[in-house]
Amino acid sequence: MKTTIELPDDLLIAAKRRAAELKVPLRRLIEEGLRARLAASVRRPVRSRRIRWITVDGGLPPGLDLAPTDCISWSGGKPRGSARRPVVRGKSVSDAVLEGRR
C-alpha cells in the first residue's frame, strides 16, 4: 500500500544515509523500524500508576464521634449507589462535620 507522510528534513536525510550504509531501500528501513516499534509497544507491560496520597492536618470537630454507629443510617436504604449517602442524626456526614466546625 502506498501512503504519504511528512518527516522533518533532518530525519529523512539521516534515514537515507542509514539505508545507504545498510544497502537497503529506504522503504525497507522505515518498514523494519515501524514493525520494531509496534512490536516493542506490545511487549512492554503496562505499569500501574501510583496513587499519591494527600494528607492534611485536622481531624473531627470536637463532639463529633463516629464510633457509635447506631446514629448513622443510609438515606434511601442500604448503600448501593452514589445517590445514597450516610446520614448522622438526620444530616449528611459532611453537613454534620461542617456544623461541628462552626
Foldseek 3Di string as FASTA:
>chain_A
DDDDDDDPPVVVVVLVVVCVVVVHDSVVSVVVVVVVVVVVVVPDDDDDDDDDDDDDDDDAAPPDDPPPCPQKAWVPHDDDDPVIAIAGNNHGPVVVRVVSVD
